[in-house]
Amino acid sequence: MKVSPKSSFIELLPDSMANARRQVEQLTVEQLSRMLDNLIETDKAFRNSSQPQIFLETALIRMIFRDAE
């Protein structure tokens, strides 16, 4: 699936948008799939937690460092 280069879901300054595009271009489909799976699993724990921020922060840290292993 491709999105028109002119469409934007988030507001970013031009330099930030260019940087975000460079980062996204480096991701593989497998990496994106793992990230989505991680977020889905986190969502389950997130909804039942009295401290959901911990689950969100942990999921984000896992996504950042998983491919560095």
N, C-alpha and C. Protein backbone atom coordinates (compact mmCIF):
# COMPACT_ATOMS: atom_id res chain seq x y z
N MET A 1 0.85 -1.17 0.00
CA MET A 1 0.00 0.00 0.00
C MET A 1 0.89 1.23 0.00
N LYS A 2 0.55 2.17 -0.86
CA LYS A 2 1.29 3.42 -0.92
C LYS A 2 0.36 4.57 -0.60
N VAL A 3 0.93 5.58 -0.02
CA VAL A 3 0.18 6.78 0.31
C VAL A 3 0.75 7.91 -0.51
N SER A 4 -0.11 8.76 -0.98
CA SER A 4 0.34 9.89 -1.78
C SER A 4 1.36 10.70 -0.99
N PRO A 5 2.46 11.11 -1.64
CA PRO A 5 3.47 11.91 -0.94
C PRO A 5 2.92 13.23 -0.42
N LYS A 6 1.82 13.69 -0.98
CA LYS A 6 1.26 14.96 -0.55
C LYS A 6 0.33 14.82 0.64
N SER A 7 -0.10 13.59 0.94
CA SER A 7 -0.98 13.40 2.08
C SER A 7 -0.15 13.33 3.36
N SER A 8 -0.74 13.76 4.45
CA SER A 8 -0.03 13.75 5.71
C SER A 8 -1.00 13.45 6.85
N PHE A 9 -0.67 12.44 7.64
CA PHE A 9 -1.49 12.12 8.79
C PHE A 9 -1.08 12.94 10.01
N ILE A 10 0.15 13.42 9.98
CA ILE A 10 0.65 14.20 11.10
C ILE A 10 1.28 15.48 10.57
N GLU A 11 1.30 16.48 11.40
CA GLU A 11 1.90 17.75 11.03
C GLU A 11 3.38 17.74 11.44
N LEU A 12 4.26 17.91 10.48
CA LEU A 12 5.69 17.98 10.75
C LEU A 12 6.30 19.11 9.93
N LEU A 13 7.36 19.68 10.47
CA LEU A 13 8.11 20.65 9.69
C LEU A 13 8.77 19.92 8.53
N PRO A 14 9.05 20.61 7.43
CA PRO A 14 9.64 19.94 6.26
C PRO A 14 10.90 19.12 6.57
N ASP A 15 11.80 19.66 7.41
CA ASP A 15 13.01 18.91 7.75
C ASP A 15 12.68 17.64 8.54
N SER A 16 11.72 17.75 9.44
CA SER A 16 11.32 16.59 10.23
C SER A 16 10.64 15.55 9.36
N MET A 17 9.85 16.00 8.40
CA MET A 17 9.17 15.07 7.49
C MET A 17 10.20 14.32 6.64
N ALA A 18 11.20 15.03 6.15
CA ALA A 18 12.25 14.39 5.35
C ALA A 18 13.00 13.35 6.18
N ASN A 19 13.28 13.67 7.42
CA ASN A 19 13.97 12.74 8.31
C ASN A 19 13.10 11.52 8.59
N ALA A 20 11.82 11.73 8.83
CA ALA A 20 10.90 10.61 9.07
C ALA A 20 10.81 9.70 7.85
N ARG A 21 10.77 10.29 6.67
CA ARG A 21 10.71 9.47 5.44
C ARG A 21 11.96 8.62 5.28
N ARG A 22 13.13 9.19 5.57
CA ARG A 22 14.39 8.42 5.48
C ARG A 22 14.36 7.24 6.44
N GLN A 23 13.85 7.47 7.64
CA GLN A 23 13.79 6.39 8.63
C GLN A 23 12.83 5.30 8.20
N VAL A 24 11.68 5.67 7.68
CA VAL A 24 10.68 4.69 7.24
C VAL A 24 11.20 3.87 6.07
N GLU A 25 11.92 4.49 5.18
CA GLU A 25 12.45 3.78 4.01
C GLU A 25 13.44 2.69 4.39
N GLN A 26 14.02 2.78 5.58
CA GLN A 26 14.99 1.79 6.03
C GLN A 26 14.33 0.56 6.65
N LEU A 27 13.02 0.63 6.93
CA LEU A 27 12.32 -0.48 7.56
C LEU A 27 11.87 -1.50 6.52
N THR A 28 11.93 -2.76 6.93
CA THR A 28 11.43 -3.83 6.07
C THR A 28 9.99 -4.15 6.46
N VAL A 29 9.31 -4.89 5.62
CA VAL A 29 7.95 -5.32 5.92
C VAL A 29 7.95 -6.18 7.19
N GLU A 30 8.96 -7.01 7.35
CA GLU A 30 9.05 -7.87 8.53
C GLU A 30 9.20 -7.04 9.80
N GLN A 31 10.01 -6.00 9.75
CA GLN A 31 10.18 -5.14 10.92
C GLN A 31 8.88 -4.44 11.27
N LEU A 32 8.19 -3.93 10.28
CA LEU A 32 6.92 -3.26 10.53
C LEU A 32 5.90 -4.24 11.09
N SER A 33 5.90 -5.46 10.59
CA SER A 33 4.98 -6.49 11.08
C SER A 33 5.26 -6.81 12.54
N ARG A 34 6.53 -6.96 12.90
CA ARG A 34 6.90 -7.22 14.29
C ARG A 34 6.47 -6.07 15.20
N MET A 35 6.65 -4.84 14.71
CA MET A 35 6.24 -3.67 15.51
C MET A 35 4.74 -3.66 15.74
N LEU A 36 3.99 -3.96 14.71
CA LEU A 36 2.54 -4.01 14.84
C LEU A 36 2.10 -5.12 15.78
N ASP A 37 2.71 -6.29 15.66
CA ASP A 37 2.41 -7.40 16.58
C ASP A 37 2.70 -7.00 18.03
N ASN A 38 3.81 -6.32 18.23
CA ASN A 38 4.19 -5.86 19.56
C ASN A 38 3.14 -4.89 20.11
N LEU A 39 2.68 -3.98 19.28
CA LEU A 39 1.68 -3.01 19.73
C LEU A 39 0.34 -3.69 20.02
N ILE A 40 -0.01 -4.70 19.25
CA ILE A 40 -1.26 -5.43 19.50
C ILE A 40 -1.18 -6.15 20.84
N GLU A 41 -0.06 -6.81 21.11
CA GLU A 41 0.11 -7.48 22.39
C GLU A 41 0.11 -6.49 23.54
N THR A 42 0.75 -5.36 23.34
CA THR A 42 0.80 -4.33 24.37
C THR A 42 -0.59 -3.78 24.65
N ASP A 43 -1.39 -3.65 23.61
CA ASP A 43 -2.74 -3.12 23.78
C ASP A 43 -3.56 -3.99 24.73
N LYS A 44 -3.39 -5.29 24.64
CA LYS A 44 -4.13 -6.20 25.53
C LYS A 44 -3.77 -5.94 26.99
N ALA A 45 -2.49 -5.83 27.27
CA ALA A 45 -2.03 -5.57 28.63
C ALA A 45 -2.38 -4.14 29.06
N PHE A 46 -2.28 -3.23 28.12
CA PHE A 46 -2.53 -1.81 28.35
C PHE A 46 -3.95 -1.59 28.88
N ARG A 47 -4.91 -2.25 28.28
CA ARG A 47 -6.32 -2.05 28.64
C ARG A 47 -6.65 -2.57 30.05
N ASN A 48 -5.90 -3.54 30.52
CA ASN A 48 -6.19 -4.14 31.82
C ASN A 48 -5.26 -3.68 32.93
N SER A 49 -4.47 -2.68 32.68
CA SER A 49 -3.45 -2.25 33.63
C SER A 49 -3.87 -0.99 34.38
N SER A 50 -3.43 -0.92 35.62
CA SER A 50 -3.64 0.31 36.40
C SER A 50 -2.55 1.32 36.08
N GLN A 51 -1.47 0.87 35.40
CA GLN A 51 -0.37 1.74 34.99
C GLN A 51 -0.05 1.51 33.52
N PRO A 52 -0.93 1.92 32.62
CA PRO A 52 -0.74 1.62 31.19
C PRO A 52 0.50 2.28 30.58
N GLN A 53 0.95 3.37 31.15
CA GLN A 53 2.12 4.05 30.59
C GLN A 53 3.35 3.14 30.59
N ILE A 54 3.48 2.31 31.61
CA ILE A 54 4.62 1.39 31.70
C ILE A 54 4.61 0.42 30.52
N PHE A 55 3.43 -0.12 30.18
CA PHE A 55 3.33 -1.05 29.06
C PHE A 55 3.66 -0.37 27.74
N LEU A 56 3.18 0.85 27.57
CA LEU A 56 3.47 1.60 26.33
C LEU A 56 4.95 1.90 26.22
N GLU A 57 5.56 2.38 27.28
CA GLU A 57 6.99 2.70 27.25
C GLU A 57 7.83 1.44 26.98
N THR A 58 7.46 0.34 27.61
CA THR A 58 8.18 -0.92 27.40
C THR A 58 8.06 -1.37 25.95
N ALA A 59 6.87 -1.26 25.38
CA ALA A 59 6.67 -1.66 23.98
C ALA A 59 7.52 -0.80 23.05
N LEU A 60 7.57 0.48 23.30
CA LEU A 60 8.38 1.36 22.45
C LEU A 60 9.86 1.05 22.57
N ILE A 61 10.32 0.78 23.77
CA ILE A 61 11.74 0.43 23.97
C ILE A 61 12.05 -0.89 23.25
N ARG A 62 11.14 -1.87 23.36
CA ARG A 62 11.35 -3.15 22.65
C ARG A 62 11.46 -2.93 21.14
N MET A 63 10.60 -2.08 20.60
CA MET A 63 10.64 -1.83 19.16
C MET A 63 11.95 -1.16 18.75
N ILE A 64 12.45 -0.28 19.59
CA ILE A 64 13.68 0.43 19.26
C ILE A 64 14.87 -0.52 19.26
N PHE A 65 14.96 -1.37 20.26
CA PHE A 65 16.15 -2.18 20.45
C PHE A 65 16.08 -3.60 19.90
N ARG A 66 14.92 -4.07 19.50
CA ARG A 66 14.78 -5.45 19.01
C ARG A 66 15.68 -5.71 17.80
N ASP A 67 15.73 -4.79 16.85
CA ASP A 67 16.51 -5.03 15.64
C ASP A 67 17.99 -4.74 15.85
N ALA A 68 18.35 -4.17 16.99
CA ALA A 68 19.76 -3.90 17.25
C ALA A 68 20.47 -5.15 17.77
N GLU A 69 19.69 -6.18 18.13
CA GLU A 69 20.29 -7.40 18.68
C GLU A 69 21.02 -8.20 17.64
